[in-house]
Amino acid sequence: MNKAHSPAGVRPPFARYSHAVEVQAGSRMLFASGQLGISVNDEVPEDAGAQAELCFRAIGAILAEADMDFGDIVRINAYVTDRAFMKAYMEVRDRFVREPPPASTLMIVSGFTREEFKVEVEIIAAAKG
């Protein structure tokens, strides 16, 4: 089992994440590329929350193919194109994140390869070998 760390000498996390996650020796590691809010039919919803939902569903499929699940995520890097999209992204993230919550970074960026994209999410996961 991976171990979360949120030391007493550090301000508690602002949201549902851990300051650090320790991965056990001998774990299998999975590094997923950033997933965008686009369906398999190339549809991109207008809503940032709907895009985040597609990102996490794609991550779920990647995890399943590696015989892992959302509880194996140790780090999330997420990007949104506007501060107004943070809340919708975090609400979706919190539905998928398991305990202990992974380490996480959320950044506001100027844009992605296509203008309609508002959210991108990449993860690192670790599971017993």
Protein backbone atom coordinates (compact mmCIF):
# COMPACT_ATOMS: atom_id res chain seq x y z
CA MET A 1 0.00 0.00 0.00
CA ASN A 2 1.27 3.46 -0.86
CA LYS A 3 1.64 5.81 2.08
CA ALA A 4 0.49 9.43 2.10
CA HIS A 5 2.42 12.15 3.95
CA SER A 6 1.04 15.49 5.13
CA PRO A 7 3.48 16.52 7.89
CA ALA A 8 2.33 18.55 10.88
CA GLY A 9 4.94 21.25 10.13
CA VAL A 10 3.41 21.99 6.72
CA ARG A 11 0.12 23.81 6.12
CA PRO A 12 -2.62 21.23 5.49
CA PRO A 13 -3.59 20.74 1.83
CA PHE A 14 -6.03 23.26 0.33
CA ALA A 15 -8.19 20.49 -1.13
CA ARG A 16 -8.39 16.71 -1.35
CA TYR A 17 -4.75 15.79 -1.98
CA SER A 18 -1.69 14.71 0.00
CA HIS A 19 1.55 16.67 0.17
CA ALA A 20 3.45 13.50 -0.78
CA VAL A 21 2.86 9.84 -1.48
CA GLU A 22 5.50 7.22 -0.76
CA VAL A 23 5.60 4.29 -3.18
CA GLN A 24 6.61 0.85 -1.86
CA ALA A 25 9.76 -0.75 -3.22
CA GLY A 26 9.03 -3.26 -5.97
CA SER A 27 5.87 -1.49 -7.14
CA ARG A 28 4.83 -1.42 -10.77
CA MET A 29 4.74 2.18 -12.00
CA LEU A 30 2.40 3.63 -14.62
CA PHE A 31 2.97 7.05 -16.17
CA ALA A 32 -0.04 8.24 -18.18
CA SER A 33 0.13 11.00 -20.75
CA GLY A 34 -2.16 13.98 -20.31
CA GLN A 35 -5.76 13.10 -21.15
CA LEU A 36 -7.99 15.72 -22.73
CA GLY A 37 -11.75 16.14 -22.52
CA ILE A 38 -12.55 14.46 -25.82
CA SER A 39 -14.72 11.40 -26.44
CA VAL A 40 -13.78 8.40 -28.59
CA ASN A 41 -16.10 9.97 -31.21
CA ASP A 42 -14.01 13.18 -31.20
CA GLU A 43 -16.72 15.14 -29.37
CA VAL A 44 -15.50 17.89 -27.03
CA PRO A 45 -18.11 19.13 -24.55
CA GLU A 46 -18.29 22.87 -23.90
CA ASP A 47 -18.48 22.40 -20.11
CA ALA A 48 -15.21 22.11 -18.17
CA GLY A 49 -16.74 19.61 -15.75
CA ALA A 50 -17.85 17.37 -18.62
CA GLN A 51 -14.34 17.59 -20.08
CA ALA A 52 -12.84 16.63 -16.71
CA GLU A 53 -15.23 13.67 -16.57
CA LEU A 54 -13.93 12.46 -19.94
CA CYS A 55 -10.33 12.91 -18.75
CA PHE A 56 -10.91 10.74 -15.68
CA ARG A 57 -12.86 8.12 -17.63
CA ALA A 58 -9.92 7.83 -20.04
CA ILE A 59 -7.56 7.52 -17.06
CA GLY A 60 -9.80 4.79 -15.66
CA ALA A 61 -9.53 2.85 -18.92
CA ILE A 62 -5.74 3.23 -18.90
CA LEU A 63 -5.55 2.07 -15.28
CA ALA A 64 -7.81 -0.93 -15.98
CA GLU A 65 -5.65 -2.00 -18.92
CA ALA A 66 -2.66 -2.02 -16.54
CA ASP A 67 -4.67 -4.00 -13.95
CA MET A 68 -4.79 -0.94 -11.67
CA ASP A 69 -7.54 1.35 -10.39
CA PHE A 70 -8.00 4.88 -9.08
CA GLY A 71 -6.69 3.81 -5.67
CA ASP A 72 -3.28 3.24 -7.26
CA ILE A 73 -2.85 6.88 -8.37
CA VAL A 74 0.01 8.52 -6.46
CA ARG A 75 0.21 11.81 -8.37
CA ILE A 76 -2.11 13.96 -10.47
CA ASN A 77 -1.01 16.89 -12.59
CA ALA A 78 -3.98 18.84 -13.90
CA TYR A 79 -4.26 21.89 -16.10
CA VAL A 80 -7.22 24.20 -16.73
CA THR A 81 -7.37 27.20 -19.03
CA ASP A 82 -9.25 29.49 -16.66
CA ARG A 83 -9.50 29.94 -12.90
CA ALA A 84 -13.30 29.66 -13.31
CA PHE A 85 -12.85 25.97 -14.32
CA MET A 86 -11.03 24.95 -11.11
CA LYS A 87 -14.17 24.19 -9.10
CA ALA A 88 -15.75 21.99 -11.79
CA TYR A 89 -12.47 20.12 -12.26
CA MET A 90 -12.02 19.55 -8.50
CA GLU A 91 -15.59 18.30 -8.06
CA VAL A 92 -15.02 15.68 -10.75
CA ARG A 93 -11.55 14.78 -9.44
CA ASP A 94 -12.91 14.26 -5.94
CA ARG A 95 -15.46 11.71 -7.23
CA PHE A 96 -12.66 9.59 -8.71
CA VAL A 97 -9.88 10.02 -6.13
CA ARG A 98 -9.55 7.31 -3.48
CA GLU A 99 -8.00 7.30 -0.02
CA PRO A 100 -5.36 8.26 0.67
CA PRO A 101 -5.63 11.09 -1.85
CA PRO A 102 -2.69 11.38 -4.24
CA ALA A 103 -0.18 14.18 -4.41
CA SER A 104 -1.57 16.76 -6.80
CA THR A 105 -0.78 19.93 -8.72
CA LEU A 106 -3.38 22.08 -10.48
CA MET A 107 -2.16 24.78 -12.84
CA ILE A 108 -3.87 27.44 -14.92
CA VAL A 109 -2.42 27.48 -18.42
CA SER A 110 -2.96 29.73 -21.43
CA GLY A 111 -4.30 26.95 -23.62
CA PHE A 112 -3.87 23.57 -25.28
CA THR A 113 -3.32 22.40 -28.85
CA ARG A 114 -6.96 23.05 -29.72
CA GLU A 115 -8.88 26.06 -28.46
CA GLU A 116 -11.93 24.09 -27.27
CA PHE A 117 -9.96 22.10 -24.69
CA LYS A 118 -10.29 23.43 -21.13
CA VAL A 119 -8.93 20.58 -18.99
CA GLU A 120 -6.03 18.13 -19.21
CA VAL A 121 -5.12 15.53 -16.58
CA GLU A 122 -2.06 13.28 -16.30
CA ILE A 123 -1.34 10.74 -13.58
CA ILE A 124 1.31 8.52 -12.09
CA ALA A 125 0.12 5.27 -10.50
CA ALA A 126 1.90 2.58 -8.52
CA ALA A 127 0.68 -0.89 -7.57
CA LYS A 128 2.20 -3.96 -5.99
CA GLY A 129 4.47 -5.86 -8.36
